[in-house]
Amino acid sequence: MPWLRTYLVIALAIGALISTVLLVLEPLTDFAFLWLEWPGITAAYSFRGAVGGSTFLGIAISWVVNALSYGLGAFVILSAVKVLREA
């Protein structure tokens, strides 16, 4: 199952790219795509509210959570494409 590890790395890279693009587009689009970042924003708000932290830490948490959530979606899509290709 080496394809599983390969697809997981590719999916995480796609998730990180999407999360980075969303983070960069925030000020340029006047926060029009903020609804796409709710998983990360919720996690950052919950974590920072619990322990108190810097803004940089909140942005980092938001980026990681969004990368993981979009990476999971990409992994599901990549796995489905592989299964459909084999059938």
PDB file of N, CA and C in Angstrom:
ATOM      1  N   MET A   1       0.805  -1.194   0.000  1.00  0.00           N
ATOM      2  CA  MET A   1       0.000   0.000   0.000  1.00  0.00           C
ATOM      3  C   MET A   1       0.855   1.268   0.000  1.00  0.00           C
ATOM      4  N   PRO A   2       1.925   1.303  -0.790  1.00  0.00           N
ATOM      5  CA  PRO A   2       2.716   2.540  -0.848  1.00  0.00           C
ATOM      6  C   PRO A   2       1.946   3.690  -1.483  1.00  0.00           C
ATOM      7  N   TRP A   3       0.930   3.367  -2.288  1.00  0.00           N
ATOM      8  CA  TRP A   3       0.132   4.420  -2.894  1.00  0.00           C
ATOM      9  C   TRP A   3      -0.602   5.218  -1.829  1.00  0.00           C
ATOM     10  N   LEU A   4      -0.951   4.583  -0.717  1.00  0.00           N
ATOM     11  CA  LEU A   4      -1.667   5.268   0.354  1.00  0.00           C
ATOM     12  C   LEU A   4      -0.814   6.379   0.953  1.00  0.00           C
ATOM     13  N   ARG A   5       0.435   6.083   1.231  1.00  0.00           N
ATOM     14  CA  ARG A   5       1.336   7.092   1.791  1.00  0.00           C
ATOM     15  C   ARG A   5       1.577   8.205   0.772  1.00  0.00           C
ATOM     16  N   THR A   6       1.726   7.851  -0.493  1.00  0.00           N
ATOM     17  CA  THR A   6       1.935   8.850  -1.538  1.00  0.00           C
ATOM     18  C   THR A   6       0.733   9.769  -1.656  1.00  0.00           C
ATOM     19  N   TYR A   7      -0.462   9.187  -1.671  1.00  0.00           N
ATOM     20  CA  TYR A   7      -1.669  10.006  -1.773  1.00  0.00           C
ATOM     21  C   TYR A   7      -1.871  10.872  -0.540  1.00  0.00           C
ATOM     22  N   LEU A   8      -1.473  10.369   0.615  1.00  0.00           N
ATOM     23  CA  LEU A   8      -1.593  11.148   1.835  1.00  0.00           C
ATOM     24  C   LEU A   8      -0.677  12.370   1.789  1.00  0.00           C
ATOM     25  N   VAL A   9       0.538  12.207   1.327  1.00  0.00           N
ATOM     26  CA  VAL A   9       1.469  13.332   1.214  1.00  0.00           C
ATOM     27  C   VAL A   9       0.974  14.335   0.181  1.00  0.00           C
ATOM     28  N   ILE A  10       0.496  13.847  -0.953  1.00  0.00           N
ATOM     29  CA  ILE A  10      -0.038  14.736  -1.984  1.00  0.00           C
ATOM     30  C   ILE A  10      -1.253  15.501  -1.451  1.00  0.00           C
ATOM     31  N   ALA A  11      -2.129  14.810  -0.744  1.00  0.00           N
ATOM     32  CA  ALA A  11      -3.325  15.457  -0.202  1.00  0.00           C
ATOM     33  C   ALA A  11      -2.963  16.514   0.832  1.00  0.00           C
ATOM     34  N   LEU A  12      -2.001  16.232   1.690  1.00  0.00           N
ATOM     35  CA  LEU A  12      -1.581  17.226   2.676  1.00  0.00           C
ATOM     36  C   LEU A  12      -0.932  18.434   2.010  1.00  0.00           C
ATOM     37  N   ALA A  13      -0.195  18.208   0.941  1.00  0.00           N
ATOM     38  CA  ALA A  13       0.393  19.326   0.197  1.00  0.00           C
ATOM     39  C   ALA A  13      -0.699  20.174  -0.453  1.00  0.00           C
ATOM     40  N   ILE A  14      -1.712  19.525  -1.001  1.00  0.00           N
ATOM     41  CA  ILE A  14      -2.841  20.266  -1.585  1.00  0.00           C
ATOM     42  C   ILE A  14      -3.563  21.060  -0.505  1.00  0.00           C
ATOM     43  N   GLY A  15      -3.788  20.448   0.647  1.00  0.00           N
ATOM     44  CA  GLY A  15      -4.439  21.155   1.753  1.00  0.00           C
ATOM     45  C   GLY A  15      -3.637  22.351   2.230  1.00  0.00           C
ATOM     46  N   ALA A  16      -2.322  22.190   2.326  1.00  0.00           N
ATOM     47  CA  ALA A  16      -1.467  23.306   2.738  1.00  0.00           C
ATOM     48  C   ALA A  16      -1.497  24.427   1.706  1.00  0.00           C
ATOM     49  N   LEU A  17      -1.522  24.070   0.433  1.00  0.00           N
ATOM     50  CA  LEU A  17      -1.587  25.080  -0.622  1.00  0.00           C
ATOM     51  C   LEU A  17      -2.904  25.842  -0.572  1.00  0.00           C
ATOM     52  N   ILE A  18      -4.002  25.138  -0.417  1.00  0.00           N
ATOM     53  CA  ILE A  18      -5.308  25.792  -0.332  1.00  0.00           C
ATOM     54  C   ILE A  18      -5.372  26.700   0.887  1.00  0.00           C
ATOM     55  N   SER A  19      -4.888  26.227   2.023  1.00  0.00           N
ATOM     56  CA  SER A  19      -4.896  27.027   3.237  1.00  0.00           C
ATOM     57  C   SER A  19      -4.043  28.280   3.081  1.00  0.00           C
ATOM     58  N   THR A  20      -2.899  28.154   2.438  1.00  0.00           N
ATOM     59  CA  THR A  20      -2.029  29.307   2.205  1.00  0.00           C
ATOM     60  C   THR A  20      -2.684  30.318   1.280  1.00  0.00           C
ATOM     61  N   VAL A  21      -3.296  29.835   0.217  1.00  0.00           N
ATOM     62  CA  VAL A  21      -3.969  30.734  -0.719  1.00  0.00           C
ATOM     63  C   VAL A  21      -5.109  31.484  -0.016  1.00  0.00           C
ATOM     64  N   LEU A  22      -5.877  30.789   0.796  1.00  0.00           N
ATOM     65  CA  LEU A  22      -6.963  31.448   1.509  1.00  0.00           C
ATOM     66  C   LEU A  22      -6.434  32.496   2.481  1.00  0.00           C
ATOM     67  N   LEU A  23      -5.335  32.205   3.135  1.00  0.00           N
ATOM     68  CA  LEU A  23      -4.741  33.136   4.085  1.00  0.00           C
ATOM     69  C   LEU A  23      -4.213  34.378   3.375  1.00  0.00           C
ATOM     70  N   VAL A  24      -3.629  34.204   2.206  1.00  0.00           N
ATOM     71  CA  VAL A  24      -3.103  35.337   1.440  1.00  0.00           C
ATOM     72  C   VAL A  24      -4.237  36.174   0.854  1.00  0.00           C
ATOM     73  N   LEU A  25      -5.327  35.527   0.446  1.00  0.00           N
ATOM     74  CA  LEU A  25      -6.430  36.248  -0.190  1.00  0.00           C
ATOM     75  C   LEU A  25      -7.302  37.045   0.784  1.00  0.00           C
ATOM     76  N   GLU A  26      -7.182  36.782   2.083  1.00  0.00           N
ATOM     77  CA  GLU A  26      -8.034  37.470   3.058  1.00  0.00           C
ATOM     78  C   GLU A  26      -8.016  38.987   2.914  1.00  0.00           C
ATOM     79  N   PRO A  27      -6.863  39.630   3.057  1.00  0.00           N
ATOM     80  CA  PRO A  27      -6.881  41.097   2.979  1.00  0.00           C
ATOM     81  C   PRO A  27      -7.130  41.617   1.568  1.00  0.00           C
ATOM     82  N   LEU A  28      -6.775  40.845   0.564  1.00  0.00           N
ATOM     83  CA  LEU A  28      -6.942  41.301  -0.818  1.00  0.00           C
ATOM     84  C   LEU A  28      -8.398  41.305  -1.263  1.00  0.00           C
ATOM     85  N   THR A  29      -9.208  40.418  -0.694  1.00  0.00           N
ATOM     86  CA  THR A  29     -10.617  40.317  -1.089  1.00  0.00           C
ATOM     87  C   THR A  29     -11.553  40.880  -0.023  1.00  0.00           C
ATOM     88  N   ASP A  30     -11.010  41.584   0.943  1.00  0.00           N
ATOM     89  CA  ASP A  30     -11.786  42.169   2.033  1.00  0.00           C
ATOM     90  C   ASP A  30     -12.569  41.091   2.783  1.00  0.00           C
ATOM     91  N   PHE A  31     -11.892  39.967   3.027  1.00  0.00           N
ATOM     92  CA  PHE A  31     -12.415  38.842   3.804  1.00  0.00           C
ATOM     93  C   PHE A  31     -13.665  38.208   3.185  1.00  0.00           C
ATOM     94  N   ALA A  32     -13.738  38.197   1.855  1.00  0.00           N
ATOM     95  CA  ALA A  32     -14.887  37.618   1.165  1.00  0.00           C
ATOM     96  C   ALA A  32     -14.901  36.090   1.263  1.00  0.00           C
ATOM     97  N   PHE A  33     -13.743  35.468   1.412  1.00  0.00           N
ATOM     98  CA  PHE A  33     -13.660  34.009   1.470  1.00  0.00           C
ATOM     99  C   PHE A  33     -13.476  33.506   2.892  1.00  0.00           C
ATOM    100  N   LEU A  34     -13.841  34.307   3.864  1.00  0.00           N
ATOM    101  CA  LEU A  34     -13.648  33.941   5.261  1.00  0.00           C
ATOM    102  C   LEU A  34     -14.467  32.711   5.635  1.00  0.00           C
ATOM    103  N   TRP A  35     -15.596  32.500   4.996  1.00  0.00           N
ATOM    104  CA  TRP A  35     -16.441  31.350   5.311  1.00  0.00           C
ATOM    105  C   TRP A  35     -15.746  30.034   4.979  1.00  0.00           C
ATOM    106  N   LEU A  36     -14.756  30.056   4.095  1.00  0.00           N
ATOM    107  CA  LEU A  36     -14.017  28.846   3.778  1.00  0.00           C
ATOM    108  C   LEU A  36     -13.011  28.480   4.865  1.00  0.00           C
ATOM    109  N   GLU A  37     -12.750  29.396   5.778  1.00  0.00           N
ATOM    110  CA  GLU A  37     -11.745  29.172   6.812  1.00  0.00           C
ATOM    111  C   GLU A  37     -12.349  28.884   8.184  1.00  0.00           C
ATOM    112  N   TRP A  38     -13.628  28.631   8.276  1.00  0.00           N
ATOM    113  CA  TRP A  38     -14.259  28.443   9.582  1.00  0.00           C
ATOM    114  C   TRP A  38     -13.677  27.323  10.426  1.00  0.00           C
ATOM    115  N   PRO A  39     -13.295  26.176   9.860  1.00  0.00           N
ATOM    116  CA  PRO A  39     -12.719  25.143  10.750  1.00  0.00           C
ATOM    117  C   PRO A  39     -11.472  25.637  11.474  1.00  0.00           C
ATOM    118  N   GLY A  40     -10.588  26.281  10.752  1.00  0.00           N
ATOM    119  CA  GLY A  40      -9.354  26.772  11.355  1.00  0.00           C
ATOM    120  C   GLY A  40      -9.584  27.929  12.314  1.00  0.00           C
ATOM    121  N   ILE A  41     -10.486  28.824  11.946  1.00  0.00           N
ATOM    122  CA  ILE A  41     -10.777  29.964  12.805  1.00  0.00           C
ATOM    123  C   ILE A  41     -11.415  29.498  14.105  1.00  0.00           C
ATOM    124  N   THR A  42     -12.312  28.542  14.011  1.00  0.00           N
ATOM    125  CA  THR A  42     -12.950  28.004  15.215  1.00  0.00           C
ATOM    126  C   THR A  42     -11.929  27.338  16.127  1.00  0.00           C
ATOM    127  N   ALA A  43     -11.034  26.555  15.557  1.00  0.00           N
ATOM    128  CA  ALA A  43     -10.011  25.893  16.370  1.00  0.00           C
ATOM    129  C   ALA A  43      -9.073  26.913  17.009  1.00  0.00           C
ATOM    130  N   ALA A  44      -8.673  27.921  16.255  1.00  0.00           N
ATOM    131  CA  ALA A  44      -7.775  28.938  16.800  1.00  0.00           C
ATOM    132  C   ALA A  44      -8.457  29.720  17.911  1.00  0.00           C
ATOM    133  N   TYR A  45      -9.712  30.066  17.707  1.00  0.00           N
ATOM    134  CA  TYR A  45     -10.437  30.811  18.733  1.00  0.00           C
ATOM    135  C   TYR A  45     -10.615  29.975  19.993  1.00  0.00           C
ATOM    136  N   SER A  46     -10.932  28.700  19.819  1.00  0.00           N
ATOM    137  CA  SER A  46     -11.107  27.822  20.980  1.00  0.00           C
ATOM    138  C   SER A  46      -9.796  27.642  21.732  1.00  0.00           C
ATOM    139  N   PHE A  47      -8.704  27.415  21.014  1.00  0.00           N
ATOM    140  CA  PHE A  47      -7.417  27.190  21.662  1.00  0.00           C
ATOM    141  C   PHE A  47      -6.906  28.463  22.327  1.00  0.00           C
ATOM    142  N   ARG A  48      -6.970  29.565  21.626  1.00  0.00           N
ATOM    143  CA  ARG A  48      -6.470  30.814  22.202  1.00  0.00           C
ATOM    144  C   ARG A  48      -7.342  31.271  23.350  1.00  0.00           C
ATOM    145  N   GLY A  49      -8.635  30.961  23.289  1.00  0.00           N
ATOM    146  CA  GLY A  49      -9.512  31.328  24.396  1.00  0.00           C
ATOM    147  C   GLY A  49      -9.223  30.507  25.634  1.00  0.00           C
ATOM    148  N   ALA A  50      -8.740  29.278  25.424  1.00  0.00           N
ATOM    149  CA  ALA A  50      -8.464  28.388  26.559  1.00  0.00           C
ATOM    150  C   ALA A  50      -7.143  28.731  27.241  1.00  0.00           C
ATOM    151  N   VAL A  51      -6.106  29.029  26.466  1.00  0.00           N
ATOM    152  CA  VAL A  51      -4.797  29.253  27.067  1.00  0.00           C
ATOM    153  C   VAL A  51      -4.282  30.674  26.873  1.00  0.00           C
ATOM    154  N   GLY A  52      -4.895  31.423  25.993  1.00  0.00           N
ATOM    155  CA  GLY A  52      -4.401  32.770  25.705  1.00  0.00           C
ATOM    156  C   GLY A  52      -3.081  32.691  24.972  1.00  0.00           C
ATOM    157  N   GLY A  53      -2.992  33.333  23.858  1.00  0.00           N
ATOM    158  CA  GLY A  53      -1.767  33.240  23.075  1.00  0.00           C
ATOM    159  C   GLY A  53      -1.643  34.414  22.136  1.00  0.00           C
ATOM    160  N   SER A  54      -0.592  34.385  21.361  1.00  0.00           N
ATOM    161  CA  SER A  54      -0.327  35.474  20.437  1.00  0.00           C
ATOM    162  C   SER A  54      -1.173  35.346  19.177  1.00  0.00           C
ATOM    163  N   THR A  55      -1.220  36.404  18.431  1.00  0.00           N
ATOM    164  CA  THR A  55      -1.936  36.398  17.162  1.00  0.00           C
ATOM    165  C   THR A  55      -1.265  35.445  16.180  1.00  0.00           C
ATOM    166  N   PHE A  56       0.049  35.435  16.188  1.00  0.00           N
ATOM    167  CA  PHE A  56       0.791  34.540  15.303  1.00  0.00           C
ATOM    168  C   PHE A  56       0.429  33.082  15.572  1.00  0.00           C
ATOM    169  N   LEU A  57       0.301  32.729  16.851  1.00  0.00           N
ATOM    170  CA  LEU A  57      -0.083  31.362  17.206  1.00  0.00           C
ATOM    171  C   LEU A  57      -1.488  31.045  16.695  1.00  0.00           C
ATOM    172  N   GLY A  58      -2.408  31.988  16.807  1.00  0.00           N
ATOM    173  CA  GLY A  58      -3.763  31.782  16.303  1.00  0.00           C
ATOM    174  C   GLY A  58      -3.797  31.585  14.796  1.00  0.00           C
ATOM    175  N   ILE A  59      -3.005  32.363  14.075  1.00  0.00           N
ATOM    176  CA  ILE A  59      -2.935  32.213  12.621  1.00  0.00           C
ATOM    177  C   ILE A  59      -2.308  30.876  12.249  1.00  0.00           C
ATOM    178  N   ALA A  60      -1.282  30.473  12.986  1.00  0.00           N
ATOM    179  CA  ALA A  60      -0.638  29.180  12.716  1.00  0.00           C
ATOM    180  C   ALA A  60      -1.600  28.030  12.966  1.00  0.00           C
ATOM    181  N   ILE A  61      -2.354  28.085  14.051  1.00  0.00           N
ATOM    182  CA  ILE A  61      -3.343  27.042  14.344  1.00  0.00           C
ATOM    183  C   ILE A  61      -4.396  26.998  13.251  1.00  0.00           C
ATOM    184  N   SER A  62      -4.868  28.164  12.856  1.00  0.00           N
ATOM    185  CA  SER A  62      -5.876  28.238  11.795  1.00  0.00           C
ATOM    186  C   SER A  62      -5.350  27.639  10.497  1.00  0.00           C
ATOM    187  N   TRP A  63      -4.113  27.961  10.148  1.00  0.00           N
ATOM    188  CA  TRP A  63      -3.541  27.444   8.909  1.00  0.00           C
ATOM    189  C   TRP A  63      -3.405  25.926   8.958  1.00  0.00           C
ATOM    190  N   VAL A  64      -2.928  25.385  10.077  1.00  0.00           N
ATOM    191  CA  VAL A  64      -2.742  23.933  10.203  1.00  0.00           C
ATOM    192  C   VAL A  64      -4.076  23.202  10.144  1.00  0.00           C
ATOM    193  N   VAL A  65      -5.067  23.692  10.866  1.00  0.00           N
ATOM    194  CA  VAL A  65      -6.376  23.020  10.878  1.00  0.00           C
ATOM    195  C   VAL A  65      -7.017  23.080   9.496  1.00  0.00           C
ATOM    196  N   ASN A  66      -6.923  24.223   8.831  1.00  0.00           N
ATOM    197  CA  ASN A  66      -7.478  24.310   7.478  1.00  0.00           C
ATOM    198  C   ASN A  66      -6.716  23.411   6.513  1.00  0.00           C
ATOM    199  N   ALA A  67      -5.408  23.337   6.646  1.00  0.00           N
ATOM    200  CA  ALA A  67      -4.620  22.451   5.774  1.00  0.00           C
ATOM    201  C   ALA A  67      -5.020  21.003   5.983  1.00  0.00           C
ATOM    202  N   LEU A  68      -5.223  20.607   7.234  1.00  0.00           N
ATOM    203  CA  LEU A  68      -5.630  19.229   7.505  1.00  0.00           C
ATOM    204  C   LEU A  68      -7.043  18.942   6.998  1.00  0.00           C
ATOM    205  N   SER A  69      -7.953  19.885   7.171  1.00  0.00           N
ATOM    206  CA  SER A  69      -9.326  19.635   6.730  1.00  0.00           C
ATOM    207  C   SER A  69      -9.423  19.596   5.206  1.00  0.00           C
ATOM    208  N   TYR A  70      -8.745  20.506   4.517  1.00  0.00           N
ATOM    209  CA  TYR A  70      -8.758  20.456   3.052  1.00  0.00           C
ATOM    210  C   TYR A  70      -7.924  19.289   2.533  1.00  0.00           C
ATOM    211  N   GLY A  71      -6.892  18.921   3.266  1.00  0.00           N
ATOM    212  CA  GLY A  71      -6.098  17.745   2.891  1.00  0.00           C
ATOM    213  C   GLY A  71      -6.906  16.472   2.991  1.00  0.00           C
ATOM    214  N   LEU A  72      -7.750  16.379   4.010  1.00  0.00           N
ATOM    215  CA  LEU A  72      -8.618  15.207   4.141  1.00  0.00           C
ATOM    216  C   LEU A  72      -9.578  15.110   2.959  1.00  0.00           C
ATOM    217  N   GLY A  73     -10.138  16.229   2.561  1.00  0.00           N
ATOM    218  CA  GLY A  73     -11.013  16.232   1.388  1.00  0.00           C
ATOM    219  C   GLY A  73     -10.276  15.822   0.125  1.00  0.00           C
ATOM    220  N   ALA A  74      -9.067  16.324  -0.040  1.00  0.00           N
ATOM    221  CA  ALA A  74      -8.269  15.956  -1.211  1.00  0.00           C
ATOM    222  C   ALA A  74      -7.905  14.474  -1.183  1.00  0.00           C
ATOM    223  N   PHE A  75      -7.627  13.946   0.012  1.00  0.00           N
ATOM    224  CA  PHE A  75      -7.300  12.526   0.137  1.00  0.00           C
ATOM    225  C   PHE A  75      -8.492  11.656  -0.262  1.00  0.00           C
ATOM    226  N   VAL A  76      -9.673  12.043   0.165  1.00  0.00           N
ATOM    227  CA  VAL A  76     -10.880  11.289  -0.198  1.00  0.00           C
ATOM    228  C   VAL A  76     -11.081  11.305  -1.711  1.00  0.00           C
ATOM    229  N   ILE A  77     -10.891  12.452  -2.319  1.00  0.00           N
ATOM    230  CA  ILE A  77     -11.066  12.564  -3.764  1.00  0.00           C
ATOM    231  C   ILE A  77     -10.011  11.740  -4.506  1.00  0.00           C
ATOM    232  N   LEU A  78      -8.745  11.840  -4.069  1.00  0.00           N
ATOM    233  CA  LEU A  78      -7.689  11.058  -4.711  1.00  0.00           C
ATOM    234  C   LEU A  78      -7.923   9.557  -4.565  1.00  0.00           C
ATOM    235  N   SER A  79      -8.373   9.137  -3.399  1.00  0.00           N
ATOM    236  CA  SER A  79      -8.641   7.711  -3.182  1.00  0.00           C
ATOM    237  C   SER A  79      -9.812   7.230  -4.032  1.00  0.00           C
ATOM    238  N   ALA A  80     -10.833   8.054  -4.148  1.00  0.00           N
ATOM    239  CA  ALA A  80     -11.983   7.689  -4.972  1.00  0.00           C
ATOM    240  C   ALA A  80     -11.590   7.578  -6.445  1.00  0.00           C
ATOM    241  N   VAL A  81     -10.749   8.475  -6.904  1.00  0.00           N
ATOM    242  CA  VAL A  81     -10.282   8.420  -8.295  1.00  0.00           C
ATOM    243  C   VAL A  81      -9.481   7.146  -8.520  1.00  0.00           C
ATOM    244  N   LYS A  82      -8.638   6.762  -7.563  1.00  0.00           N
ATOM    245  CA  LYS A  82      -7.852   5.528  -7.705  1.00  0.00           C
ATOM    246  C   LYS A  82      -8.757   4.306  -7.774  1.00  0.00           C
ATOM    247  N   VAL A  83      -9.757   4.268  -6.898  1.00  0.00           N
ATOM    248  CA  VAL A  83     -10.668   3.118  -6.889  1.00  0.00           C
ATOM    249  C   VAL A  83     -11.456   3.064  -8.197  1.00  0.00           C
ATOM    250  N   LEU A  84     -11.906   4.197  -8.690  1.00  0.00           N
ATOM    251  CA  LEU A  84     -12.660   4.227  -9.936  1.00  0.00           C
ATOM    252  C   LEU A  84     -11.791   3.862 -11.134  1.00  0.00           C
ATOM    253  N   ARG A  85     -10.520   4.220 -11.069  1.00  0.00           N
ATOM    254  CA  ARG A  85      -9.612   3.869 -12.162  1.00  0.00           C
ATOM    255  C   ARG A  85      -9.340   2.381 -12.218  1.00  0.00           C
ATOM    256  N   GLU A  86      -9.300   1.727 -11.069  1.00  0.00           N
ATOM    257  CA  GLU A  86      -9.037   0.294 -11.029  1.00  0.00           C
ATOM    258  C   GLU A  86     -10.241  -0.529 -11.432  1.00  0.00           C
ATOM    259  N   ALA A  87     -11.428   0.008 -11.254  1.00  0.00           N
ATOM    260  CA  ALA A  87     -12.647  -0.768 -11.537  1.00  0.00           C
ATOM    261  C   ALA A  87     -12.934  -0.840 -13.022  1.00  0.00           C
TER     262      ALA A  87
END
